[in-house]
Amino acid sequence: MQVSRALCIPDPVRLQRYRHLPELGPSILFFSGGSALNKLSRELKRYTHNSIHLVTPFDSGGSSAHLRRAFAMPAVGDLRSRIMALADETVLGQPDVYHLFSHRLAKHQSQTALKAELERLVNGEHTLIKPVSNPLKSLIQTQLRVVQQRLPEEFDLRGASVGNLIIAGGYLNNEWQLDPIVFLFSRLVKTLGQVVTIVDADAHLGVRLQDGTMVLGQHLLTGKEVAPLASPITSIWLNDGEQSHKEVSLSLSEDRGALIREADIICYPPGSFFSSICANLLVAGVSEAIGQNPNPKIYLPNLGTDPEQLGWSLMDRIVFLIRLVSGREPEFNVTHPVLTWLLLDCDYDYGEVNEVSLDKLGITVVRAPLKRNEHQYDEVLVAEALLSFA
C-alpha cells in the first residue's frame, strides 16, 4: 500500500514539530564535500539532530594535502569542517574543545615558532588546551603527540588546522583507520548529526576533458588553487595517486549502505558538481543503496558559477546524475528511481528546465523562495524546504 500527501513548502506544522523535538527530527542524507553546506548544516541543528553527511575524502588541496602526502591518508579537512558545523555550540556542548579544534596555526610564522606552538599543545601548556578538562584533554594530547612524533622534518605547519592534526594523530594511532577517531572527535564536540567519509581510503579523483586532456587531483578541478578548466569534463573516476592514470574501485561498507537505504530524504546538494557530489557516487555499492531507498531523492542545483560545470546545462547534469547512479539510460529512473524531485528557487534562472521531459523521467519540479541573492541560497529557506519533504 502506498500513502501520499500534499506537499507544502514550507510546511509550518512539520517545522514546528521538528523545532520542538530536534532529537526526533528526520534523517536527511547529503552526498557532499567542501564547505558549501556548512551554513545549512548549522541551520539544520535547530530542526533535527539526525542529518547524515557522507563526505568525500578525495580532496587534494589546502592543508589536507600536506597530511595526505605525509601519511598516505584520506583527506580530513572537509570532514572536520562539517563536524564543526554540526557541533553543539551551547554550554551543553564542549565550547573549549570546539575552539581548540577550530584553531589554525599562523600562516606567516617561522617553522621553529610553529613547532614550538605544537609542542605547547602536546604538553597541555597552550592557552587553548588549558581550559579543556580531563579525560578529554589527555585524549587530545595523545593524538597530537602521535602526529607530532611522526611528522616528516620538512612538514609545513603554516596554516595547519589543529583539528586536522588531531584527526591525523587518531588515524595513525588506530592502525590507519579513520572511523574510530571520527567517532571520538564527534563525541568530543557533541555533533548534532552524523558525519563520516563515504569510504576510508587514500584515493584521488581523475577526469577526462572534452579536449582529451586528463587531469588528476581534485584541487585542479575547482578553480580555487589553479586556473579554471578550459574544457568541459566528460568523465570522472577514482584514481590511485596523482601521478599517473590508474583507476581504482572502492566499495561501500555495510554501515554506510544502511545509512543510505534508511534515510528519510536523500539530497544531492549544492557544491562542486563533480568533485563533491559525483565523487561520492563513484563508490561501488552507493548506487544500489540509493535505489533501495523508497523516500524522496532531491537535487538542489548550484547558484552562480561552478567552474566544474563548464559546458554542462542543468538538464545535462540531471541526465549525468541518473546515468552515474543507475548505470542505465535516464528512462530507467521511472521504474527504478534514483532522483525524484528537482528543488529550484522560484525566481532564479537555471537555464532550460524542461518539465515535460523531466516528468517523463519520473522527476517532479518544485519551486519555492530559496535564495538570499543571485549567488547564495538562504540556509533558513533551504532547510525549511528540505524538511518539508520528510
Protein backbone atom coordinates (compact mmCIF):
# COMPACT_ATOMS: atom_id res chain seq x y z
CA MET A 1 0.00 0.00 0.00
CA GLN A 2 1.32 3.44 -0.94
CA VAL A 3 0.32 6.53 1.04
CA SER A 4 0.60 10.01 -0.49
CA ARG A 5 0.14 13.52 0.89
CA ALA A 6 0.03 17.07 -0.40
CA LEU A 7 3.43 18.76 -0.37
CA CYS A 8 3.51 22.17 1.29
CA ILE A 9 6.77 24.19 1.20
CA PRO A 10 7.46 25.34 3.80
CA ASP A 11 5.28 23.07 5.92
CA PRO A 12 4.66 25.00 9.18
CA VAL A 13 3.19 22.02 11.04
CA ARG A 14 6.17 19.78 10.36
CA LEU A 15 8.68 22.53 11.05
CA GLN A 16 7.12 23.33 14.41
CA ARG A 17 7.22 19.65 15.34
CA TYR A 18 10.90 19.34 14.37
CA ARG A 19 11.88 22.52 16.24
CA HIS A 20 10.14 21.23 19.35
CA LEU A 21 11.91 17.84 19.27
CA PRO A 22 15.03 18.01 17.08
CA GLU A 23 16.27 14.80 18.71
CA LEU A 24 13.49 13.02 16.81
CA GLY A 25 13.91 15.02 13.60
CA PRO A 26 14.19 13.39 10.17
CA SER A 27 17.37 11.90 8.74
CA ILE A 28 18.32 13.95 5.69
CA LEU A 29 21.32 12.42 3.97
CA PHE A 30 23.70 14.58 1.92
CA PHE A 31 26.39 13.50 -0.54
CA SER A 32 28.83 16.35 -0.31
CA GLY A 33 32.26 17.79 0.33
CA GLY A 34 33.84 21.20 0.78
CA SER A 35 32.29 24.00 2.80
CA ALA A 36 29.20 24.70 0.68
CA LEU A 37 26.83 23.02 3.16
CA ASN A 38 28.29 24.33 6.42
CA LYS A 39 25.81 27.19 6.84
CA LEU A 40 22.90 24.90 6.00
CA SER A 41 24.25 22.31 8.46
CA ARG A 42 24.29 24.89 11.25
CA GLU A 43 20.69 25.80 10.48
CA LEU A 44 19.56 22.16 10.38
CA LYS A 45 20.68 21.73 14.01
CA ARG A 46 17.61 23.74 15.04
CA TYR A 47 15.28 21.15 13.47
CA THR A 48 16.99 17.77 13.52
CA HIS A 49 19.93 16.09 15.20
CA ASN A 50 19.75 13.22 12.74
CA SER A 51 21.11 14.67 9.49
CA ILE A 52 23.69 12.45 7.78
CA HIS A 53 26.66 13.79 5.85
CA LEU A 54 28.64 11.44 3.61
CA VAL A 55 31.73 13.47 2.80
CA THR A 56 34.28 12.85 0.08
CA PRO A 57 37.82 12.05 1.34
CA PHE A 58 39.41 12.72 -2.07
CA ASP A 59 40.38 16.38 -1.56
CA SER A 60 43.95 17.04 -2.68
CA GLY A 61 44.30 20.75 -1.90
CA GLY A 62 44.74 23.01 1.11
CA SER A 63 46.24 21.88 4.41
CA SER A 64 44.73 18.39 3.98
CA ALA A 65 47.11 17.83 1.07
CA HIS A 66 50.16 18.10 3.35
CA LEU A 67 48.80 15.42 5.68
CA ARG A 68 47.82 13.19 2.76
CA ARG A 69 51.31 13.32 1.31
CA ALA A 70 52.95 12.77 4.69
CA PHE A 71 50.86 9.78 5.76
CA ALA A 72 49.11 8.42 2.61
CA MET A 73 45.75 9.00 4.29
CA PRO A 74 42.27 10.18 3.26
CA ALA A 75 41.59 13.91 3.23
CA VAL A 76 40.09 15.05 6.54
CA GLY A 77 39.62 18.82 6.09
CA ASP A 78 36.05 18.66 4.76
CA LEU A 79 35.20 16.04 7.36
CA ARG A 80 36.47 18.23 10.22
CA SER A 81 34.75 21.30 8.79
CA ARG A 82 31.36 19.57 8.66
CA ILE A 83 31.74 18.09 12.15
CA MET A 84 32.43 21.57 13.48
CA ALA A 85 29.41 22.98 11.62
CA LEU A 86 27.20 20.41 13.36
CA ALA A 87 28.84 20.74 16.79
CA ASP A 88 26.75 21.79 19.77
CA GLU A 89 27.95 25.36 20.31
CA THR A 90 25.96 25.89 23.51
CA VAL A 91 27.25 25.38 27.04
CA LEU A 92 25.74 21.89 26.84
CA GLY A 93 28.43 21.02 24.30
CA GLN A 94 32.18 21.42 24.76
CA PRO A 95 32.93 25.05 23.80
CA ASP A 96 36.59 24.79 24.87
CA VAL A 97 37.11 21.73 22.68
CA TYR A 98 35.21 23.44 19.85
CA HIS A 99 37.56 26.44 19.92
CA LEU A 100 40.63 24.20 20.07
CA PHE A 101 39.52 22.09 17.10
CA SER A 102 38.71 25.23 15.10
CA HIS A 103 42.15 26.79 15.62
CA ARG A 104 44.70 27.12 12.83
CA LEU A 105 48.40 27.74 13.25
CA ALA A 106 49.60 31.07 11.86
CA LYS A 107 50.42 31.32 8.16
CA HIS A 108 53.28 33.79 8.50
CA GLN A 109 55.36 32.46 11.39
CA SER A 110 58.60 30.51 11.13
CA GLN A 111 58.60 26.72 11.28
CA THR A 112 60.53 26.96 14.54
CA ALA A 113 57.79 29.08 16.13
CA LEU A 114 55.05 26.80 14.80
CA LYS A 115 56.78 23.67 16.09
CA ALA A 116 57.05 25.36 19.48
CA GLU A 117 53.31 26.10 19.44
CA LEU A 118 52.55 22.48 18.56
CA GLU A 119 54.80 21.41 21.44
CA ARG A 120 52.78 23.60 23.85
CA LEU A 121 49.59 21.94 22.61
CA VAL A 122 51.08 18.48 23.12
CA ASN A 123 52.29 19.35 26.62
CA GLY A 124 48.99 20.96 27.62
CA GLU A 125 50.54 24.41 28.08
CA HIS A 126 48.78 26.18 25.21
CA THR A 127 46.07 28.68 26.20
CA LEU A 128 43.52 26.84 24.05
CA ILE A 129 44.08 23.42 25.60
CA LYS A 130 44.45 24.51 29.23
CA PRO A 131 40.68 25.02 29.80
CA VAL A 132 39.86 21.52 28.48
CA SER A 133 39.24 19.16 31.37
CA ASN A 134 40.48 15.59 31.68
CA PRO A 135 40.00 12.95 30.39
CA LEU A 136 39.24 14.88 27.17
CA LYS A 137 42.45 16.87 27.47
CA SER A 138 44.55 13.73 27.82
CA LEU A 139 42.84 12.08 24.83
CA ILE A 140 43.52 15.11 22.64
CA GLN A 141 47.14 15.36 23.78
CA THR A 142 47.69 11.70 22.92
CA GLN A 143 46.55 12.19 19.31
CA LEU A 144 48.63 15.35 18.93
CA ARG A 145 51.70 13.62 20.35
CA VAL A 146 51.35 10.76 17.87
CA VAL A 147 51.16 13.07 14.87
CA GLN A 148 53.96 15.29 16.22
CA GLN A 149 56.29 12.30 16.53
CA ARG A 150 55.56 11.09 13.01
CA LEU A 151 55.54 14.36 11.09
CA PRO A 152 58.32 14.50 8.48
CA GLU A 153 61.02 17.04 9.31
CA GLU A 154 60.11 19.10 6.23
CA PHE A 155 56.35 19.18 7.02
CA ASP A 156 54.96 22.70 6.56
CA LEU A 157 52.90 23.68 9.61
CA ARG A 158 51.86 27.09 8.28
CA GLY A 159 48.07 27.37 8.40
CA ALA A 160 47.71 23.82 9.71
CA SER A 161 44.35 23.04 11.30
CA VAL A 162 44.68 21.72 14.86
CA GLY A 163 41.52 19.69 14.29
CA ASN A 164 43.08 18.07 11.22
CA LEU A 165 46.23 17.26 13.19
CA ILE A 166 44.17 15.65 15.96
CA ILE A 167 42.26 13.52 13.44
CA ALA A 168 45.51 12.55 11.69
CA GLY A 169 47.01 11.50 15.03
CA GLY A 170 43.96 9.40 15.81
CA TYR A 171 44.10 7.84 12.35
CA LEU A 172 47.73 6.81 12.88
CA ASN A 173 47.05 5.73 16.45
CA ASN A 174 44.19 3.44 15.36
CA GLU A 175 46.15 1.44 12.79
CA TRP A 176 45.31 3.69 9.86
CA GLN A 177 41.56 3.65 10.50
CA LEU A 178 39.56 6.87 10.29
CA ASP A 179 36.21 5.87 11.82
CA PRO A 180 37.39 5.44 15.46
CA ILE A 181 38.86 8.95 15.70
CA VAL A 182 35.92 10.49 13.81
CA PHE A 183 33.57 8.88 16.33
CA LEU A 184 35.66 10.24 19.22
CA PHE A 185 36.03 13.68 17.60
CA SER A 186 32.25 13.86 17.07
CA ARG A 187 31.55 12.90 20.67
CA LEU A 188 34.04 15.44 21.98
CA VAL A 189 32.25 18.35 20.30
CA LYS A 190 28.80 16.73 20.66
CA THR A 191 27.97 16.69 16.96
CA LEU A 192 24.23 17.11 16.38
CA GLY A 193 24.14 14.84 13.37
CA GLN A 194 26.38 12.20 11.81
CA VAL A 195 29.41 12.91 9.63
CA VAL A 196 31.53 10.19 8.01
CA THR A 197 33.59 9.84 4.86
CA ILE A 198 31.94 7.84 2.08
CA VAL A 199 34.92 5.44 2.32
CA ASP A 200 38.03 5.20 4.46
CA ALA A 201 40.58 5.10 1.65
CA ASP A 202 43.50 7.04 0.19
CA ALA A 203 42.31 7.72 -3.35
CA HIS A 204 42.20 10.70 -5.69
CA LEU A 205 39.96 11.97 -8.46
CA GLY A 206 40.69 11.78 -12.16
CA VAL A 207 38.75 13.37 -15.02
CA ARG A 208 38.92 13.44 -18.79
CA LEU A 209 38.15 16.72 -20.54
CA GLN A 210 36.38 17.20 -23.84
CA ASP A 211 39.66 18.21 -25.50
CA GLY A 212 41.23 14.89 -24.46
CA THR A 213 43.23 16.24 -21.52
CA MET A 214 43.45 14.06 -18.41
CA VAL A 215 43.50 15.83 -15.04
CA LEU A 216 44.47 14.04 -11.81
CA GLY A 217 43.75 15.63 -8.44
CA GLN A 218 40.66 17.33 -7.00
CA HIS A 219 42.47 20.63 -6.42
CA LEU A 220 43.00 21.01 -10.18
CA LEU A 221 39.25 20.89 -10.89
CA THR A 222 37.68 23.52 -8.66
CA GLY A 223 39.34 26.68 -10.00
CA LYS A 224 40.41 27.71 -6.48
CA GLU A 225 44.12 26.86 -6.45
CA VAL A 226 44.80 26.92 -10.19
CA ALA A 227 43.11 28.47 -13.22
CA PRO A 228 39.62 27.11 -14.01
CA LEU A 229 39.33 24.29 -16.52
CA ALA A 230 39.29 25.47 -20.13
CA SER A 231 37.41 22.44 -21.48
CA PRO A 232 34.32 20.62 -20.12
CA ILE A 233 34.67 17.46 -18.04
CA THR A 234 33.35 14.39 -19.86
CA SER A 235 34.15 11.56 -17.41
CA ILE A 236 35.30 11.08 -13.82
CA TRP A 237 36.85 8.19 -11.88
CA LEU A 238 38.66 7.30 -8.67
CA ASN A 239 42.42 7.14 -9.17
CA ASP A 240 45.32 5.58 -7.28
CA GLY A 241 47.57 8.60 -6.69
CA GLU A 242 48.03 11.84 -8.61
CA GLN A 243 50.98 10.93 -10.82
CA SER A 244 49.57 8.54 -13.42
CA HIS A 245 46.28 7.16 -14.71
CA LYS A 246 45.43 4.15 -12.56
CA GLU A 247 41.72 3.70 -11.90
CA VAL A 248 40.75 2.07 -8.62
CA SER A 249 37.49 0.56 -7.38
CA LEU A 250 36.37 1.23 -3.80
CA SER A 251 33.40 -0.43 -2.10
CA LEU A 252 30.82 0.96 0.29
CA SER A 253 30.83 -0.51 3.80
CA GLU A 254 27.66 -2.06 5.17
CA ASP A 255 27.13 0.65 7.78
CA ARG A 256 27.28 3.40 5.12
CA GLY A 257 24.93 1.38 2.95
CA ALA A 258 22.42 1.17 5.79
CA LEU A 259 22.57 4.94 6.29
CA ILE A 260 21.70 5.50 2.63
CA ARG A 261 18.98 2.84 2.47
CA GLU A 262 17.23 4.06 5.62
CA ALA A 263 17.46 7.86 5.26
CA ASP A 264 14.18 9.79 5.27
CA ILE A 265 15.47 12.02 2.46
CA ILE A 266 18.45 11.77 0.10
CA CYS A 267 19.78 15.09 -1.15
CA TYR A 268 22.22 15.84 -3.95
CA PRO A 269 23.06 19.32 -2.64
CA PRO A 270 24.78 22.46 -3.91
CA GLY A 271 28.55 22.20 -4.14
CA SER A 272 31.21 21.38 -6.70
CA PHE A 273 29.26 19.13 -9.06
CA PHE A 274 31.94 16.62 -9.96
CA SER A 275 34.43 16.73 -7.06
CA SER A 276 31.85 16.91 -4.25
CA ILE A 277 28.61 15.28 -5.40
CA CYS A 278 29.63 12.88 -8.17
CA ALA A 279 32.82 11.82 -6.36
CA ASN A 280 30.76 10.20 -3.59
CA LEU A 281 28.62 8.37 -6.14
CA LEU A 282 31.65 6.65 -7.72
CA VAL A 283 31.99 4.25 -4.78
CA ALA A 284 30.68 0.77 -5.58
CA GLY A 285 27.51 0.00 -3.63
CA VAL A 286 26.26 3.58 -3.38
CA SER A 287 24.00 3.19 -6.42
CA GLU A 288 22.37 0.04 -5.09
CA ALA A 289 21.74 1.61 -1.68
CA ILE A 290 20.14 4.71 -3.25
CA GLY A 291 17.94 2.52 -5.42
CA GLN A 292 16.73 0.56 -2.39
CA ASN A 293 15.59 3.71 -0.58
CA PRO A 294 11.90 4.46 -1.33
CA ASN A 295 11.96 8.00 0.09
CA PRO A 296 12.35 11.38 -1.67
CA LYS A 297 15.59 11.89 -3.61
CA ILE A 298 16.14 15.58 -4.23
CA TYR A 299 18.58 17.50 -6.41
CA LEU A 300 19.17 21.13 -5.39
CA PRO A 301 21.45 22.65 -8.07
CA ASN A 302 24.08 25.31 -7.57
CA LEU A 303 23.52 29.02 -7.86
CA GLY A 304 26.15 31.18 -9.51
CA THR A 305 29.13 29.70 -11.33
CA ASP A 306 30.75 26.35 -10.61
CA PRO A 307 33.93 26.04 -12.72
CA GLU A 308 33.43 22.27 -12.84
CA GLN A 309 30.08 22.74 -14.61
CA LEU A 310 31.65 24.35 -17.68
CA GLY A 311 29.59 23.25 -20.68
CA TRP A 312 27.02 21.41 -18.56
CA SER A 313 23.42 22.66 -18.55
CA LEU A 314 21.08 21.76 -15.70
CA MET A 315 19.30 19.21 -17.90
CA ASP A 316 22.67 17.69 -18.84
CA ARG A 317 23.63 17.37 -15.18
CA ILE A 318 20.36 15.67 -14.30
CA VAL A 319 20.88 13.07 -17.03
CA PHE A 320 24.51 12.57 -15.93
CA LEU A 321 23.45 12.03 -12.30
CA ILE A 322 20.87 9.42 -13.28
CA ARG A 323 23.33 7.58 -15.53
CA LEU A 324 26.09 7.72 -12.91
CA VAL A 325 23.90 6.38 -10.11
CA SER A 326 21.78 3.87 -12.01
CA GLY A 327 24.28 2.84 -14.66
CA ARG A 328 21.38 2.93 -17.13
CA GLU A 329 19.70 5.34 -19.51
CA PRO A 330 17.59 8.13 -17.93
CA GLU A 331 14.27 6.38 -18.70
CA PHE A 332 15.26 3.69 -16.19
CA ASN A 333 14.61 6.29 -13.48
CA VAL A 334 10.84 5.90 -13.97
CA THR A 335 10.74 2.34 -12.62
CA HIS A 336 13.94 2.40 -10.51
CA PRO A 337 14.14 5.99 -9.25
CA VAL A 338 17.43 7.45 -8.07
CA LEU A 339 16.19 11.04 -8.45
CA THR A 340 12.56 12.01 -7.83
CA TRP A 341 12.49 15.75 -7.11
CA LEU A 342 14.19 18.82 -8.54
CA LEU A 343 14.07 21.66 -6.00
CA LEU A 344 14.53 25.12 -7.51
CA ASP A 345 14.31 28.73 -6.41
CA CYS A 346 11.19 30.28 -7.90
CA ASP A 347 12.99 33.33 -9.39
CA TYR A 348 16.50 32.17 -10.30
CA ASP A 349 17.38 31.49 -13.94
CA TYR A 350 18.86 27.98 -14.05
CA GLY A 351 18.72 27.85 -17.84
CA GLU A 352 16.40 25.42 -19.61
CA VAL A 353 14.19 23.36 -17.29
CA ASN A 354 12.06 21.07 -19.46
CA GLU A 355 9.39 19.98 -17.01
CA VAL A 356 7.63 17.78 -19.57
CA SER A 357 10.82 15.80 -20.22
CA LEU A 358 11.58 15.58 -16.50
CA ASP A 359 8.07 14.35 -15.74
CA LYS A 360 8.58 11.56 -18.28
CA LEU A 361 11.69 10.58 -16.30
CA GLY A 362 9.73 10.45 -13.04
CA ILE A 363 11.12 13.75 -11.71
CA THR A 364 8.83 16.40 -10.25
CA VAL A 365 9.94 20.04 -10.28
CA VAL A 366 9.19 22.08 -7.15
CA ARG A 367 9.83 25.82 -6.96
CA ALA A 368 9.97 27.87 -3.77
CA PRO A 369 11.72 31.02 -2.49
CA LEU A 370 15.19 29.72 -1.59
CA LYS A 371 17.87 32.31 -2.38
CA ARG A 372 19.41 35.21 -0.49
CA ASN A 373 20.91 36.71 -3.66
CA GLU A 374 21.93 35.62 -7.15
CA HIS A 375 24.91 33.68 -5.82
CA GLN A 376 23.73 32.27 -2.48
CA TYR A 377 20.89 30.20 -1.15
CA ASP A 378 19.32 31.28 2.13
CA GLU A 379 20.12 28.45 4.56
CA VAL A 380 16.91 29.02 6.55
CA LEU A 381 14.69 28.79 3.48
CA VAL A 382 16.55 25.76 2.12
CA ALA A 383 16.43 23.93 5.46
CA GLU A 384 12.70 24.55 5.79
CA ALA A 385 12.08 23.41 2.21
CA LEU A 386 14.04 20.17 2.57
CA LEU A 387 12.49 19.34 5.94
CA SER A 388 9.03 19.76 4.43
CA PHE A 389 9.64 16.69 2.24
CA ALA A 390 10.09 14.41 5.28
